[in-house]
N, C-alpha and C. Protein backbone atom coordinates (compact mmCIF):
# COMPACT_ATOMS: atom_id res chain seq x y z
N MET A 1 -49.71 -44.82 21.48
CA MET A 1 -49.90 -45.35 20.14
C MET A 1 -50.12 -44.18 19.20
N CYS A 2 -49.41 -44.17 18.09
CA CYS A 2 -49.58 -43.18 17.03
C CYS A 2 -49.89 -43.93 15.75
N GLY A 3 -50.14 -43.21 14.71
CA GLY A 3 -50.37 -43.83 13.42
C GLY A 3 -49.55 -43.13 12.36
N LEU A 4 -48.91 -43.91 11.50
CA LEU A 4 -48.16 -43.34 10.40
C LEU A 4 -48.67 -43.93 9.10
N THR A 5 -48.56 -43.15 8.05
CA THR A 5 -48.97 -43.62 6.73
C THR A 5 -48.29 -42.76 5.68
N GLY A 6 -48.40 -43.20 4.44
CA GLY A 6 -47.84 -42.43 3.35
C GLY A 6 -47.74 -43.26 2.09
N PHE A 7 -47.14 -42.64 1.08
CA PHE A 7 -46.92 -43.34 -0.18
C PHE A 7 -45.74 -42.71 -0.91
N TRP A 8 -45.16 -43.51 -1.80
CA TRP A 8 -44.06 -43.07 -2.64
C TRP A 8 -44.37 -43.47 -4.07
N GLN A 9 -44.08 -42.54 -4.97
CA GLN A 9 -44.33 -42.78 -6.39
C GLN A 9 -43.14 -42.27 -7.18
N ALA A 10 -42.46 -43.16 -7.88
CA ALA A 10 -41.32 -42.77 -8.71
C ALA A 10 -41.77 -41.75 -9.75
N GLY A 11 -40.97 -40.74 -9.95
CA GLY A 11 -41.28 -39.73 -10.95
C GLY A 11 -42.09 -38.56 -10.42
N GLY A 12 -42.48 -38.63 -9.16
CA GLY A 12 -43.18 -37.50 -8.55
C GLY A 12 -44.68 -37.55 -8.75
N PHE A 13 -45.34 -36.51 -8.21
CA PHE A 13 -46.79 -36.40 -8.30
C PHE A 13 -47.21 -34.94 -8.16
N ASP A 14 -48.48 -34.69 -8.39
CA ASP A 14 -49.05 -33.36 -8.23
C ASP A 14 -49.40 -33.15 -6.75
N ALA A 15 -48.81 -32.14 -6.14
CA ALA A 15 -49.01 -31.91 -4.70
C ALA A 15 -50.47 -31.62 -4.36
N GLU A 16 -51.16 -30.88 -5.20
CA GLU A 16 -52.57 -30.54 -4.92
C GLU A 16 -53.44 -31.78 -4.91
N ALA A 17 -53.12 -32.76 -5.71
CA ALA A 17 -53.88 -34.01 -5.72
C ALA A 17 -53.44 -34.95 -4.61
N ALA A 18 -52.15 -34.94 -4.27
CA ALA A 18 -51.61 -35.89 -3.29
C ALA A 18 -51.94 -35.52 -1.85
N ARG A 19 -51.96 -34.23 -1.51
CA ARG A 19 -52.19 -33.83 -0.12
C ARG A 19 -53.51 -34.36 0.43
N PRO A 20 -54.64 -34.18 -0.26
CA PRO A 20 -55.88 -34.71 0.31
C PRO A 20 -55.90 -36.23 0.43
N ILE A 21 -55.17 -36.92 -0.43
CA ILE A 21 -55.08 -38.38 -0.32
C ILE A 21 -54.34 -38.75 0.96
N ALA A 22 -53.19 -38.11 1.20
CA ALA A 22 -52.43 -38.39 2.42
C ALA A 22 -53.25 -38.03 3.66
N GLU A 23 -53.98 -36.94 3.60
CA GLU A 23 -54.83 -36.54 4.74
C GLU A 23 -55.91 -37.57 5.00
N ARG A 24 -56.55 -38.06 3.93
CA ARG A 24 -57.60 -39.08 4.11
C ARG A 24 -57.02 -40.38 4.67
N MET A 25 -55.83 -40.73 4.22
CA MET A 25 -55.18 -41.93 4.76
C MET A 25 -54.93 -41.77 6.26
N ALA A 26 -54.49 -40.59 6.67
CA ALA A 26 -54.24 -40.33 8.09
C ALA A 26 -55.53 -40.31 8.90
N VAL A 27 -56.61 -39.80 8.32
CA VAL A 27 -57.90 -39.78 9.02
C VAL A 27 -58.32 -41.20 9.38
N ARG A 28 -58.00 -42.16 8.54
CA ARG A 28 -58.33 -43.56 8.84
C ARG A 28 -57.62 -44.07 10.09
N LEU A 29 -56.59 -43.34 10.51
CA LEU A 29 -55.81 -43.73 11.69
C LEU A 29 -56.04 -42.78 12.87
N ALA A 30 -57.07 -41.97 12.80
CA ALA A 30 -57.32 -40.94 13.82
C ALA A 30 -57.45 -41.53 15.22
N HIS A 31 -57.99 -42.72 15.33
CA HIS A 31 -58.14 -43.35 16.65
C HIS A 31 -56.79 -43.69 17.29
N ARG A 32 -55.73 -43.76 16.48
CA ARG A 32 -54.40 -44.06 17.00
C ARG A 32 -53.70 -42.82 17.56
N GLY A 33 -54.18 -41.64 17.16
CA GLY A 33 -53.53 -40.41 17.59
C GLY A 33 -54.45 -39.22 17.52
N PRO A 34 -55.17 -38.92 18.60
CA PRO A 34 -56.11 -37.81 18.59
C PRO A 34 -55.50 -36.45 18.90
N ASP A 35 -54.20 -36.39 19.26
CA ASP A 35 -53.61 -35.15 19.75
C ASP A 35 -53.10 -34.21 18.65
N ALA A 36 -52.72 -34.74 17.52
CA ALA A 36 -52.22 -33.90 16.43
C ALA A 36 -52.19 -34.71 15.14
N ALA A 37 -52.18 -34.00 14.03
CA ALA A 37 -52.08 -34.63 12.72
C ALA A 37 -51.17 -33.78 11.85
N GLY A 38 -50.43 -34.43 10.98
CA GLY A 38 -49.55 -33.69 10.09
C GLY A 38 -49.30 -34.43 8.79
N VAL A 39 -49.04 -33.65 7.74
CA VAL A 39 -48.72 -34.20 6.42
C VAL A 39 -47.52 -33.44 5.88
N TRP A 40 -46.62 -34.15 5.26
CA TRP A 40 -45.48 -33.54 4.57
C TRP A 40 -45.36 -34.18 3.21
N LEU A 41 -45.14 -33.37 2.18
CA LEU A 41 -45.02 -33.84 0.80
C LEU A 41 -43.76 -33.31 0.15
N ASP A 42 -43.18 -34.11 -0.71
CA ASP A 42 -42.16 -33.64 -1.65
C ASP A 42 -42.62 -34.14 -3.02
N PRO A 43 -43.37 -33.30 -3.75
CA PRO A 43 -43.94 -33.77 -5.00
C PRO A 43 -42.91 -34.13 -6.08
N LEU A 44 -41.74 -33.50 -6.07
CA LEU A 44 -40.73 -33.82 -7.07
C LEU A 44 -40.18 -35.23 -6.86
N ASP A 45 -39.98 -35.62 -5.60
CA ASP A 45 -39.49 -36.96 -5.30
C ASP A 45 -40.61 -37.98 -5.12
N GLY A 46 -41.86 -37.51 -5.13
CA GLY A 46 -43.00 -38.42 -5.06
C GLY A 46 -43.24 -39.06 -3.71
N ILE A 47 -42.91 -38.35 -2.62
CA ILE A 47 -43.09 -38.92 -1.29
C ILE A 47 -44.11 -38.12 -0.49
N ALA A 48 -44.99 -38.84 0.19
CA ALA A 48 -45.98 -38.25 1.09
C ALA A 48 -45.89 -38.99 2.41
N LEU A 49 -45.74 -38.24 3.50
CA LEU A 49 -45.72 -38.80 4.84
C LEU A 49 -46.84 -38.15 5.64
N ALA A 50 -47.60 -38.96 6.38
CA ALA A 50 -48.68 -38.44 7.22
C ALA A 50 -48.62 -39.11 8.58
N HIS A 51 -49.12 -38.40 9.59
CA HIS A 51 -48.99 -38.89 10.95
C HIS A 51 -50.19 -38.48 11.79
N ARG A 52 -50.58 -39.35 12.70
CA ARG A 52 -51.55 -39.06 13.76
C ARG A 52 -50.84 -39.28 15.07
N ARG A 53 -50.88 -38.27 15.94
CA ARG A 53 -50.06 -38.31 17.16
C ARG A 53 -50.88 -38.50 18.42
N LEU A 54 -50.41 -39.42 19.23
CA LEU A 54 -50.83 -39.55 20.61
C LEU A 54 -49.64 -39.09 21.43
N ALA A 55 -49.73 -37.90 22.01
CA ALA A 55 -48.61 -37.31 22.74
C ALA A 55 -48.42 -38.04 24.07
N VAL A 56 -47.23 -38.60 24.26
CA VAL A 56 -46.93 -39.33 25.49
C VAL A 56 -45.65 -38.79 26.13
N VAL A 57 -44.55 -38.79 25.39
CA VAL A 57 -43.26 -38.40 25.95
C VAL A 57 -43.11 -36.89 26.04
N ASP A 58 -43.40 -36.17 24.99
CA ASP A 58 -43.31 -34.71 24.96
C ASP A 58 -44.68 -34.20 24.52
N LEU A 59 -45.39 -33.55 25.41
CA LEU A 59 -46.75 -33.11 25.12
C LEU A 59 -46.82 -31.83 24.30
N SER A 60 -45.68 -31.18 24.09
CA SER A 60 -45.65 -29.90 23.38
C SER A 60 -45.70 -30.11 21.86
N SER A 61 -45.85 -29.00 21.15
CA SER A 61 -45.86 -29.06 19.69
C SER A 61 -44.49 -29.41 19.12
N ALA A 62 -43.44 -29.38 19.95
CA ALA A 62 -42.10 -29.76 19.49
C ALA A 62 -42.03 -31.23 19.11
N GLY A 63 -43.03 -32.01 19.51
CA GLY A 63 -43.06 -33.44 19.17
C GLY A 63 -43.93 -33.76 17.98
N HIS A 64 -44.53 -32.75 17.35
CA HIS A 64 -45.40 -33.01 16.20
C HIS A 64 -44.63 -33.62 15.03
N GLN A 65 -45.34 -34.42 14.26
CA GLN A 65 -44.76 -35.08 13.10
C GLN A 65 -45.66 -34.88 11.88
N PRO A 66 -45.11 -35.06 10.70
CA PRO A 66 -43.76 -35.44 10.34
C PRO A 66 -42.74 -34.44 10.89
N MET A 67 -41.61 -35.00 11.33
CA MET A 67 -40.57 -34.20 11.97
C MET A 67 -39.32 -34.19 11.10
N HIS A 68 -38.72 -33.01 10.99
CA HIS A 68 -37.48 -32.84 10.24
C HIS A 68 -36.29 -32.90 11.19
N SER A 69 -35.20 -33.47 10.71
CA SER A 69 -33.96 -33.45 11.48
C SER A 69 -33.42 -32.02 11.50
N ALA A 70 -32.48 -31.76 12.39
CA ALA A 70 -31.92 -30.41 12.53
C ALA A 70 -31.34 -29.90 11.22
N SER A 71 -30.73 -30.77 10.44
CA SER A 71 -30.14 -30.36 9.16
C SER A 71 -31.17 -30.28 8.03
N GLN A 72 -32.38 -30.75 8.30
CA GLN A 72 -33.45 -30.83 7.30
C GLN A 72 -33.25 -31.96 6.29
N ARG A 73 -32.21 -32.77 6.49
CA ARG A 73 -31.95 -33.88 5.56
C ARG A 73 -33.01 -34.96 5.67
N TYR A 74 -33.43 -35.29 6.89
CA TYR A 74 -34.34 -36.40 7.12
C TYR A 74 -35.72 -35.91 7.55
N VAL A 75 -36.74 -36.65 7.13
CA VAL A 75 -38.11 -36.41 7.58
C VAL A 75 -38.63 -37.75 8.10
N LEU A 76 -39.22 -37.71 9.30
CA LEU A 76 -39.60 -38.93 10.00
C LEU A 76 -41.06 -38.91 10.41
N VAL A 77 -41.71 -40.07 10.27
CA VAL A 77 -42.96 -40.36 10.97
C VAL A 77 -42.68 -41.61 11.78
N PHE A 78 -43.16 -41.59 13.02
CA PHE A 78 -42.74 -42.57 14.02
C PHE A 78 -43.92 -42.98 14.87
N ASN A 79 -44.01 -44.27 15.14
CA ASN A 79 -45.01 -44.81 16.06
C ASN A 79 -44.27 -45.67 17.06
N GLY A 80 -44.47 -45.38 18.34
CA GLY A 80 -43.85 -46.22 19.36
C GLY A 80 -43.18 -45.43 20.45
N GLU A 81 -42.20 -46.07 21.07
CA GLU A 81 -41.45 -45.43 22.14
C GLU A 81 -40.04 -45.99 22.17
N ILE A 82 -39.06 -45.10 22.27
CA ILE A 82 -37.67 -45.49 22.43
C ILE A 82 -37.36 -45.39 23.92
N TYR A 83 -37.25 -46.53 24.56
CA TYR A 83 -37.09 -46.57 26.01
C TYR A 83 -35.78 -45.95 26.48
N ASN A 84 -34.74 -46.08 25.70
CA ASN A 84 -33.43 -45.54 26.11
C ASN A 84 -33.13 -44.20 25.45
N HIS A 85 -34.16 -43.46 25.06
CA HIS A 85 -33.89 -42.20 24.36
C HIS A 85 -33.19 -41.20 25.27
N GLY A 86 -33.42 -41.25 26.57
CA GLY A 86 -32.72 -40.35 27.49
C GLY A 86 -31.22 -40.59 27.48
N GLU A 87 -30.83 -41.86 27.49
CA GLU A 87 -29.41 -42.20 27.44
C GLU A 87 -28.80 -41.80 26.11
N LEU A 88 -29.51 -42.06 25.02
CA LEU A 88 -29.01 -41.69 23.69
C LEU A 88 -28.87 -40.17 23.58
N ARG A 89 -29.83 -39.45 24.12
CA ARG A 89 -29.82 -37.99 24.10
C ARG A 89 -28.62 -37.46 24.90
N GLN A 90 -28.37 -38.04 26.07
CA GLN A 90 -27.23 -37.62 26.88
C GLN A 90 -25.91 -37.85 26.14
N GLU A 91 -25.82 -38.97 25.46
CA GLU A 91 -24.60 -39.27 24.71
C GLU A 91 -24.37 -38.24 23.60
N LEU A 92 -25.43 -37.88 22.90
CA LEU A 92 -25.30 -36.88 21.84
C LEU A 92 -24.97 -35.50 22.41
N THR A 93 -25.58 -35.17 23.53
CA THR A 93 -25.35 -33.88 24.17
C THR A 93 -23.92 -33.78 24.71
N ALA A 94 -23.38 -34.89 25.21
CA ALA A 94 -22.02 -34.90 25.76
C ALA A 94 -20.99 -34.50 24.71
N GLY A 95 -21.27 -34.78 23.46
CA GLY A 95 -20.36 -34.42 22.38
C GLY A 95 -20.36 -32.93 22.09
N GLY A 96 -21.34 -32.21 22.64
CA GLY A 96 -21.42 -30.76 22.44
C GLY A 96 -22.08 -30.40 21.12
N GLY A 97 -22.61 -29.23 21.08
CA GLY A 97 -23.18 -28.70 19.84
C GLY A 97 -24.58 -29.17 19.51
N GLN A 98 -25.16 -30.03 20.31
CA GLN A 98 -26.50 -30.53 20.02
C GLN A 98 -27.54 -29.62 20.67
N ALA A 99 -28.36 -28.99 19.85
CA ALA A 99 -29.45 -28.15 20.35
C ALA A 99 -30.75 -28.92 20.19
N TRP A 100 -31.57 -28.92 21.22
CA TRP A 100 -32.83 -29.67 21.22
C TRP A 100 -34.00 -28.70 21.15
N ARG A 101 -34.99 -29.04 20.36
CA ARG A 101 -36.22 -28.24 20.26
C ARG A 101 -37.22 -28.64 21.33
N GLY A 102 -37.20 -29.90 21.73
CA GLY A 102 -38.16 -30.42 22.70
C GLY A 102 -37.57 -31.60 23.44
N HIS A 103 -38.46 -32.50 23.88
CA HIS A 103 -38.03 -33.64 24.70
C HIS A 103 -38.50 -34.97 24.14
N SER A 104 -38.92 -35.01 22.88
CA SER A 104 -39.51 -36.24 22.34
C SER A 104 -38.46 -37.26 21.94
N ASP A 105 -38.86 -38.51 22.01
CA ASP A 105 -37.98 -39.58 21.54
C ASP A 105 -37.85 -39.55 20.02
N SER A 106 -38.82 -38.96 19.34
CA SER A 106 -38.73 -38.81 17.87
C SER A 106 -37.56 -37.91 17.50
N GLU A 107 -37.43 -36.80 18.22
CA GLU A 107 -36.32 -35.88 17.97
C GLU A 107 -34.99 -36.55 18.28
N THR A 108 -34.95 -37.32 19.36
CA THR A 108 -33.73 -38.06 19.72
C THR A 108 -33.37 -39.04 18.62
N LEU A 109 -34.36 -39.76 18.12
CA LEU A 109 -34.13 -40.73 17.05
C LEU A 109 -33.54 -40.05 15.82
N LEU A 110 -34.10 -38.91 15.43
CA LEU A 110 -33.59 -38.19 14.27
C LEU A 110 -32.16 -37.71 14.48
N ALA A 111 -31.86 -37.21 15.68
CA ALA A 111 -30.51 -36.74 15.96
C ALA A 111 -29.51 -37.89 15.91
N CYS A 112 -29.92 -39.06 16.41
CA CYS A 112 -29.06 -40.24 16.34
C CYS A 112 -28.82 -40.66 14.89
N ILE A 113 -29.86 -40.61 14.08
CA ILE A 113 -29.71 -40.98 12.66
C ILE A 113 -28.74 -40.04 11.98
N GLU A 114 -28.83 -38.75 12.29
CA GLU A 114 -27.87 -37.80 11.69
C GLU A 114 -26.44 -38.06 12.17
N ALA A 115 -26.30 -38.40 13.43
CA ALA A 115 -24.96 -38.59 13.99
C ALA A 115 -24.35 -39.93 13.61
N TRP A 116 -25.13 -41.01 13.62
CA TRP A 116 -24.59 -42.35 13.48
C TRP A 116 -25.06 -43.11 12.24
N GLY A 117 -26.08 -42.59 11.56
CA GLY A 117 -26.67 -43.33 10.45
C GLY A 117 -27.84 -44.18 10.93
N LEU A 118 -28.67 -44.60 10.00
CA LEU A 118 -29.88 -45.33 10.35
C LEU A 118 -29.58 -46.70 10.95
N GLU A 119 -28.70 -47.46 10.33
CA GLU A 119 -28.45 -48.83 10.80
C GLU A 119 -27.93 -48.86 12.23
N LYS A 120 -26.94 -48.04 12.54
CA LYS A 120 -26.39 -48.03 13.89
C LYS A 120 -27.43 -47.53 14.89
N THR A 121 -28.22 -46.54 14.49
CA THR A 121 -29.27 -46.02 15.38
C THR A 121 -30.28 -47.12 15.70
N LEU A 122 -30.71 -47.86 14.70
CA LEU A 122 -31.66 -48.94 14.94
C LEU A 122 -31.07 -50.03 15.82
N GLN A 123 -29.79 -50.30 15.70
CA GLN A 123 -29.14 -51.28 16.55
C GLN A 123 -29.09 -50.82 18.00
N ARG A 124 -28.98 -49.52 18.21
CA ARG A 124 -28.84 -48.99 19.57
C ARG A 124 -30.16 -48.61 20.21
N ALA A 125 -31.19 -48.43 19.42
CA ALA A 125 -32.49 -48.02 19.96
C ALA A 125 -33.20 -49.22 20.59
N CYS A 126 -33.58 -49.05 21.84
CA CYS A 126 -34.34 -50.08 22.56
C CYS A 126 -35.77 -49.58 22.70
N GLY A 127 -36.69 -50.39 22.26
CA GLY A 127 -38.08 -49.99 22.38
C GLY A 127 -38.97 -50.74 21.43
N MET A 128 -40.15 -50.19 21.27
CA MET A 128 -41.13 -50.72 20.32
C MET A 128 -41.44 -49.59 19.36
N PHE A 129 -41.28 -49.85 18.06
CA PHE A 129 -41.44 -48.75 17.12
C PHE A 129 -41.61 -49.23 15.69
N ALA A 130 -42.18 -48.36 14.91
CA ALA A 130 -42.22 -48.47 13.45
C ALA A 130 -41.93 -47.07 12.93
N ILE A 131 -41.12 -46.98 11.88
CA ILE A 131 -40.78 -45.68 11.33
C ILE A 131 -40.84 -45.70 9.81
N ALA A 132 -41.10 -44.52 9.27
CA ALA A 132 -40.87 -44.25 7.85
C ALA A 132 -39.96 -43.03 7.84
N LEU A 133 -38.82 -43.17 7.19
CA LEU A 133 -37.80 -42.12 7.16
C LEU A 133 -37.47 -41.80 5.71
N TRP A 134 -37.60 -40.53 5.36
CA TRP A 134 -37.23 -40.08 4.02
C TRP A 134 -35.91 -39.32 4.11
N ASP A 135 -34.94 -39.73 3.32
CA ASP A 135 -33.65 -39.05 3.21
C ASP A 135 -33.74 -38.11 2.02
N ARG A 136 -33.85 -36.83 2.29
CA ARG A 136 -34.05 -35.83 1.24
C ARG A 136 -32.82 -35.68 0.35
N ARG A 137 -31.64 -35.87 0.90
CA ARG A 137 -30.42 -35.74 0.10
C ARG A 137 -30.28 -36.88 -0.89
N ASP A 138 -30.47 -38.12 -0.41
CA ASP A 138 -30.25 -39.29 -1.25
C ASP A 138 -31.52 -39.80 -1.93
N GLY A 139 -32.69 -39.26 -1.55
CA GLY A 139 -33.94 -39.72 -2.15
C GLY A 139 -34.26 -41.16 -1.81
N VAL A 140 -34.06 -41.54 -0.55
CA VAL A 140 -34.26 -42.92 -0.13
C VAL A 140 -35.33 -42.96 0.97
N LEU A 141 -36.28 -43.87 0.81
CA LEU A 141 -37.29 -44.13 1.83
C LEU A 141 -36.88 -45.39 2.58
N SER A 142 -36.84 -45.29 3.91
CA SER A 142 -36.55 -46.46 4.75
C SER A 142 -37.75 -46.72 5.64
N LEU A 143 -38.22 -47.95 5.65
CA LEU A 143 -39.28 -48.40 6.55
C LEU A 143 -38.65 -49.40 7.50
N ALA A 144 -38.90 -49.23 8.80
CA ALA A 144 -38.26 -50.12 9.77
C ALA A 144 -39.18 -50.34 10.97
N ARG A 145 -38.95 -51.49 11.63
CA ARG A 145 -39.68 -51.83 12.85
C ARG A 145 -38.70 -52.29 13.90
N ASP A 146 -39.19 -52.33 15.14
CA ASP A 146 -38.36 -52.85 16.22
C ASP A 146 -38.07 -54.33 15.98
N ARG A 147 -37.12 -54.86 16.70
CA ARG A 147 -36.64 -56.22 16.48
C ARG A 147 -37.73 -57.28 16.63
N PHE A 148 -38.69 -57.05 17.51
CA PHE A 148 -39.74 -58.04 17.74
C PHE A 148 -40.98 -57.77 16.91
N GLY A 149 -41.01 -56.67 16.21
CA GLY A 149 -42.16 -56.34 15.38
C GLY A 149 -43.40 -56.02 16.18
N GLU A 150 -43.21 -55.41 17.34
CA GLU A 150 -44.34 -55.11 18.21
C GLU A 150 -45.28 -54.06 17.62
N LYS A 151 -44.71 -53.07 16.96
CA LYS A 151 -45.53 -52.03 16.33
C LYS A 151 -45.75 -52.40 14.87
N PRO A 152 -46.98 -52.31 14.41
CA PRO A 152 -47.28 -52.74 13.04
C PRO A 152 -46.79 -51.77 11.98
N LEU A 153 -46.44 -52.32 10.83
CA LEU A 153 -46.07 -51.53 9.66
C LEU A 153 -46.37 -52.37 8.42
N TYR A 154 -47.39 -51.96 7.70
CA TYR A 154 -47.81 -52.66 6.50
C TYR A 154 -47.32 -51.88 5.29
N TYR A 155 -47.00 -52.59 4.22
CA TYR A 155 -46.58 -51.91 3.00
C TYR A 155 -46.88 -52.81 1.80
N GLY A 156 -47.01 -52.19 0.66
CA GLY A 156 -47.25 -52.94 -0.57
C GLY A 156 -47.41 -52.00 -1.74
N PHE A 157 -47.18 -52.54 -2.92
CA PHE A 157 -47.34 -51.75 -4.14
C PHE A 157 -48.77 -51.84 -4.65
N GLN A 158 -49.28 -50.73 -5.07
CA GLN A 158 -50.55 -50.63 -5.80
C GLN A 158 -50.22 -49.91 -7.08
N GLY A 159 -50.14 -50.68 -8.16
CA GLY A 159 -49.66 -50.11 -9.40
C GLY A 159 -48.22 -49.69 -9.23
N SER A 160 -47.92 -48.42 -9.52
CA SER A 160 -46.56 -47.92 -9.41
C SER A 160 -46.29 -47.21 -8.08
N ARG A 161 -47.24 -47.26 -7.16
CA ARG A 161 -47.09 -46.57 -5.88
C ARG A 161 -46.86 -47.56 -4.74
N LEU A 162 -45.94 -47.19 -3.86
CA LEU A 162 -45.72 -47.95 -2.64
C LEU A 162 -46.54 -47.29 -1.54
N LEU A 163 -47.45 -48.04 -0.95
CA LEU A 163 -48.26 -47.55 0.16
C LEU A 163 -47.72 -48.16 1.46
N PHE A 164 -47.77 -47.41 2.55
CA PHE A 164 -47.36 -47.94 3.85
C PHE A 164 -48.20 -47.29 4.94
N ALA A 165 -48.41 -48.04 6.03
CA ALA A 165 -49.25 -47.52 7.11
C ALA A 165 -49.18 -48.42 8.34
N SER A 166 -49.61 -47.86 9.45
CA SER A 166 -49.71 -48.61 10.70
C SER A 166 -50.86 -49.60 10.68
N GLU A 167 -51.87 -49.33 9.86
CA GLU A 167 -53.02 -50.23 9.71
C GLU A 167 -53.41 -50.30 8.25
N LEU A 168 -53.90 -51.47 7.84
CA LEU A 168 -54.28 -51.67 6.44
C LEU A 168 -55.40 -50.74 5.99
N LYS A 169 -56.27 -50.35 6.92
CA LYS A 169 -57.42 -49.55 6.52
C LYS A 169 -57.01 -48.20 5.95
N ALA A 170 -55.80 -47.72 6.23
CA ALA A 170 -55.33 -46.47 5.63
C ALA A 170 -55.17 -46.61 4.12
N PHE A 171 -54.83 -47.82 3.66
CA PHE A 171 -54.67 -48.06 2.23
C PHE A 171 -55.96 -47.80 1.46
N ALA A 172 -57.08 -48.14 2.08
CA ALA A 172 -58.38 -48.00 1.40
C ALA A 172 -58.70 -46.56 1.05
N ALA A 173 -58.05 -45.60 1.68
CA ALA A 173 -58.28 -44.19 1.37
C ALA A 173 -57.49 -43.72 0.16
N HIS A 174 -56.60 -44.56 -0.37
CA HIS A 174 -55.83 -44.20 -1.56
C HIS A 174 -56.61 -44.64 -2.80
N PRO A 175 -56.75 -43.76 -3.79
CA PRO A 175 -57.56 -44.11 -4.96
C PRO A 175 -57.02 -45.28 -5.79
N ASP A 176 -55.76 -45.61 -5.68
CA ASP A 176 -55.20 -46.73 -6.42
C ASP A 176 -55.39 -48.06 -5.71
N PHE A 177 -55.89 -48.03 -4.48
CA PHE A 177 -56.02 -49.26 -3.72
C PHE A 177 -57.08 -50.17 -4.33
N ALA A 178 -56.70 -51.42 -4.52
CA ALA A 178 -57.62 -52.44 -5.01
C ALA A 178 -57.53 -53.62 -4.04
N ALA A 179 -58.66 -54.02 -3.49
CA ALA A 179 -58.68 -55.10 -2.50
C ALA A 179 -59.00 -56.45 -3.13
N ASP A 180 -58.66 -56.60 -4.39
CA ASP A 180 -58.93 -57.87 -5.08
C ASP A 180 -58.10 -58.99 -4.44
N ILE A 181 -58.68 -60.15 -4.37
CA ILE A 181 -57.99 -61.34 -3.83
C ILE A 181 -57.32 -62.05 -4.99
N ASP A 182 -56.06 -62.35 -4.82
CA ASP A 182 -55.29 -63.10 -5.82
C ASP A 182 -55.58 -64.57 -5.58
N ARG A 183 -56.47 -65.14 -6.38
CA ARG A 183 -56.87 -66.53 -6.21
C ARG A 183 -55.69 -67.49 -6.40
N GLY A 184 -54.75 -67.12 -7.26
CA GLY A 184 -53.58 -67.95 -7.48
C GLY A 184 -52.70 -68.04 -6.25
N ALA A 185 -52.63 -66.93 -5.50
CA ALA A 185 -51.83 -66.92 -4.27
C ALA A 185 -52.49 -67.75 -3.18
N LEU A 186 -53.82 -67.80 -3.18
CA LEU A 186 -54.53 -68.60 -2.19
C LEU A 186 -54.22 -70.06 -2.39
């Protein structure tokens, strides 16, 4: 079990102000991943990704997240396990030219996304997972879960910011979070 969190704000943000917010959001998920923590920001595009890692598949630092694809186009935070990542990795390797930094299913997932695109990769990935993927070239954030929704992924707007996380308690660490109950919705 790992924990992912982050936020997106149209028009960008100040990196010095955003980094501690993303770090605090990730601290709320520390119980989900005691082995490593990471934060990645792109203040011009207004995206912050944070991760807490429980190392299972690849125990080395090559599995740390947020993780960049080989081309640097994609940045990923991932919670879960891709059961068929070995098969997917072999298929990519058979085509030649694929260099691997480690043995994690996160790296395999990113390589598949680069080779086949997100939709086809999600169709072929077997497992339990939740991901947040930032496409640096196109400026697109994709949030996705496995077909059965086994791994949690919460999201919602607070003002002009989109917050997302493996658990709702990460939202409370964001200064824009308001836990008001909408009586009309009840």
